[in-house]
Protein backbone atom coordinates (compact mmCIF):
# COMPACT_ATOMS: atom_id res chain seq x y z
CA MET A 1 106.00 115.67 51.16
CA ARG A 2 105.82 112.82 53.80
CA LYS A 3 102.49 114.90 55.08
CA LEU A 4 101.52 114.83 51.20
CA PHE A 5 101.77 110.96 51.12
CA LEU A 6 100.13 110.40 53.70
CA PHE A 7 97.07 112.86 53.24
CA ILE A 8 97.12 110.37 50.26
CA VAL A 9 96.90 107.13 52.16
CA LEU A 10 94.43 108.36 54.71
CA THR A 11 92.45 109.65 52.16
CA MET A 12 92.19 106.31 49.99
CA LEU A 13 91.50 104.53 52.88
CA LEU A 14 88.75 106.40 54.19
CA THR A 15 87.05 107.03 50.94
CA GLY A 16 87.43 104.07 49.17
CA CYS A 17 83.83 102.23 47.88
CA GLY A 18 85.07 99.11 47.23
CA ALA A 19 84.92 95.70 48.60
CA LYS A 20 86.60 95.72 52.96
CA GLU A 21 89.34 93.92 53.01
CA GLU A 22 89.20 92.41 56.77
CA PRO A 23 92.79 91.58 58.31
CA ILE A 24 92.93 88.08 59.51
CA ASP A 25 92.29 87.79 63.44
CA ASN A 26 93.45 84.68 64.74
CA LYS A 27 92.03 85.05 68.09
CA GLU A 28 88.68 82.99 68.75
CA ASN A 29 85.14 84.87 67.17
CA LYS A 30 82.76 85.50 70.14
CA ASP A 31 79.84 83.77 70.76
CA ASN A 32 77.63 86.92 69.36
CA PRO A 33 75.49 86.12 66.24
CA VAL A 34 77.14 88.51 63.75
CA GLU A 35 73.71 88.86 62.33
CA ASP A 36 71.50 89.52 65.55
CA THR A 37 74.32 92.66 66.68
CA GLN A 38 73.71 94.50 62.75
CA ASN A 39 69.85 94.41 62.88
CA GLU A 40 70.32 95.81 66.29
CA ASP A 41 72.50 98.29 65.26
CA LYS A 42 70.40 99.14 62.27
CA GLN A 43 67.25 99.68 63.55
CA ASP A 44 68.11 101.52 66.89
CA ASN A 45 71.94 103.02 66.23
CA SER A 46 70.34 106.34 67.75
CA GLN A 47 69.62 105.23 71.05
CA LYS A 48 72.83 103.45 71.80
CA GLU A 49 74.86 104.23 74.48
CA PRO A 50 78.23 105.29 73.41
CA ALA A 51 80.34 102.30 73.62
CA GLY A 52 84.15 101.64 72.29
CA TYR A 53 87.33 104.08 71.72
CA ALA A 54 86.90 107.92 71.90
CA PHE A 55 88.61 110.41 70.98
CA GLU A 56 88.44 114.01 73.86
CA TYR A 57 88.76 117.40 73.36
CA ASN A 58 88.37 119.82 74.58
CA ASP A 59 86.12 117.46 77.90
CA VAL A 60 84.12 116.73 75.12
CA SER A 61 84.14 112.66 74.38
CA ILE A 62 83.59 111.86 70.75
CA TYR A 63 82.53 107.91 69.86
CA MET A 64 81.90 106.69 66.63
CA ASN A 65 78.72 105.48 65.28
CA THR A 66 77.08 108.52 67.89
CA ASP A 67 75.26 111.14 66.60
CA VAL A 68 77.72 113.98 65.29
CA VAL A 69 74.98 116.78 66.09
CA PRO A 70 75.61 117.08 69.91
CA VAL A 71 79.21 116.55 69.19
CA ILE A 72 79.45 120.05 66.75
CA ASP A 73 76.97 121.48 69.37
CA ALA A 74 80.12 121.31 72.40
CA LEU A 75 83.08 121.69 70.31
CA GLY A 76 81.55 125.40 68.17
CA GLU A 77 82.28 126.01 64.74
CA ALA A 78 84.56 123.95 62.35
CA GLN A 79 87.51 125.56 61.05
CA HIS A 80 86.44 123.90 57.53
CA TYR A 81 83.54 121.75 56.49
CA PHE A 82 83.11 119.52 53.50
CA GLU A 83 80.21 117.31 52.08
CA ALA A 84 80.41 114.81 49.39
CA GLU A 85 78.08 112.11 48.07
CA SER A 86 78.25 109.04 50.37
CA CYS A 87 79.54 105.54 48.49
CA ALA A 88 78.00 103.85 51.08
CA PHE A 89 75.01 105.35 52.44
CA LYS A 90 71.97 107.15 50.41
CA GLY A 91 72.45 110.82 51.42
CA LEU A 92 76.10 112.97 51.76
CA ASP A 93 79.26 112.28 54.27
CA LYS A 94 80.25 115.47 56.10
CA THR A 95 83.79 116.55 56.88
CA TYR A 96 84.24 118.83 59.87
CA THR A 97 88.08 119.84 60.61
CA TYR A 98 88.93 121.35 64.06
CA ALA A 99 92.45 122.34 65.58
CA GLY A 100 94.29 118.93 64.92
CA PHE A 101 91.83 116.47 63.97
CA GLU A 102 88.80 116.52 61.36
CA ILE A 103 85.68 113.85 62.19
CA THR A 104 83.84 112.46 59.43
CA THR A 105 79.93 111.68 59.52
CA TYR A 106 77.87 108.87 57.43
CA PRO A 107 74.30 109.38 56.89
CA LEU A 108 71.37 106.98 58.38
CA ASP A 109 68.05 107.72 58.96
CA ASP A 110 67.88 111.53 58.47
CA LYS A 111 70.85 111.97 60.77
CA ASP A 112 74.92 111.53 60.43
CA TYR A 113 76.88 109.53 62.55
CA ILE A 114 80.70 110.17 63.18
CA SER A 115 82.42 107.11 61.26
CA THR A 116 85.84 108.38 61.49
CA VAL A 117 88.12 111.08 64.38
CA TYR A 118 91.68 111.68 62.17
CA LEU A 119 94.34 112.98 64.44
CA MET A 120 96.28 115.43 62.27
CA ASP A 121 98.88 116.40 63.71
CA ASP A 122 101.24 116.31 67.26
CA THR A 123 99.08 119.50 68.78
CA VAL A 124 96.34 116.42 69.73
CA SER A 125 96.51 113.01 71.19
CA THR A 126 94.14 109.61 72.02
CA PRO A 127 93.29 109.68 76.10
CA GLU A 128 95.75 107.61 76.55
CA GLY A 129 98.84 110.09 75.34
CA VAL A 130 99.61 108.74 72.33
CA TYR A 131 100.15 111.08 69.56
CA LEU A 132 101.85 111.21 66.24
CA GLY A 133 105.62 110.75 66.47
CA ALA A 134 105.39 108.94 69.52
CA THR A 135 107.02 105.05 68.86
CA VAL A 136 105.05 101.43 68.61
CA ASP A 137 106.47 101.09 72.38
CA ASP A 138 104.08 103.69 73.58
CA MET A 139 101.67 102.39 71.91
CA ILE A 140 101.82 99.11 73.40
CA ALA A 141 102.52 100.51 76.95
CA ALA A 142 98.95 102.83 76.61
CA TYR A 143 96.60 99.66 74.67
CA GLY A 144 98.61 96.74 74.97
CA ASP A 145 99.43 94.09 72.66
CA ASN A 146 96.03 92.78 71.67
CA TYR A 147 95.83 94.39 68.03
CA ILE A 148 95.66 93.01 64.48
CA GLU A 149 99.09 94.27 62.92
CA SER A 150 99.64 93.95 58.78
CA SER A 151 102.11 96.38 57.40
CA GLY A 152 103.19 98.96 59.65
CA SER A 153 99.30 99.40 60.36
CA TYR A 154 98.22 98.20 64.39
CA THR A 155 94.53 98.05 64.93
CA TYR A 156 92.72 97.65 68.51
CA ILE A 157 89.32 96.52 68.94
CA LYS A 158 86.72 97.48 70.63
CA ASP A 159 82.60 97.19 70.80
CA ASP A 160 82.16 98.96 67.34
CA SER A 161 85.29 101.44 66.93
CA LYS A 162 88.71 100.55 65.78
CA LEU A 163 91.63 102.77 66.24
CA GLN A 164 94.37 102.25 64.15
CA PHE A 165 97.75 103.41 64.54
CA ILE A 166 100.43 103.65 61.37
CA ALA A 167 103.88 103.20 61.98
CA VAL A 168 106.59 104.19 59.63
CA ASN A 169 110.36 103.34 61.12
CA ASP A 170 108.96 102.39 64.76
CA GLU A 171 107.41 105.95 64.45
CA ILE A 172 103.50 106.21 64.64
CA VAL A 173 102.24 108.83 61.60
CA SER A 174 98.82 108.21 61.45
CA ILE A 175 96.17 107.95 64.00
CA THR A 176 92.54 107.02 63.28
CA TYR A 177 89.23 105.85 65.35
CA LEU A 178 86.97 104.03 62.91
CA ALA A 179 83.22 103.35 63.27
CA ASP A 180 82.83 99.90 62.10
CA VAL A 181 79.78 100.61 60.51
CA GLU A 182 79.38 97.01 58.21
CA GLY A 183 75.67 96.40 58.10
CA LEU A 184 74.22 99.55 58.14
CA GLU A 185 73.65 100.56 55.51
């Protein structure tokens, strides 16, 4: 029952087409003009060096906002594949399921880019060793205390990616890598 509840909550979070609500961060904004960064991303998303948080599996580093083709080629055939019309972009969002995790993509400029990596069980972990079932203290020991917290959701932001942990009773029950796609539509 708990896994079903978590699946439903995560599905709602990942597939929502409504307005994006950003948590309030009390830290100062960086001096980077948002408009200039968004235009650079929109114009040259395919040639950008991978940056931000990356999930690693079988020596394959999976970065957000990067072309999925080399990743899928390196990982091999997915156990399950699903596609649906994108509510944010023109084309199809695609989901590739592997042992212990899922990769979801978004379409842009005739390519598919990685939008999320969702860890599904404790057979996989972040490169820093945090897994489903770890504690919030384990998370803080691995990633520090520079997170945004909202109702048990802890979000770390790095470059154009986010790493989100959801905790219930001090236990990590969800780990998701998220691409920052704002301004790419």
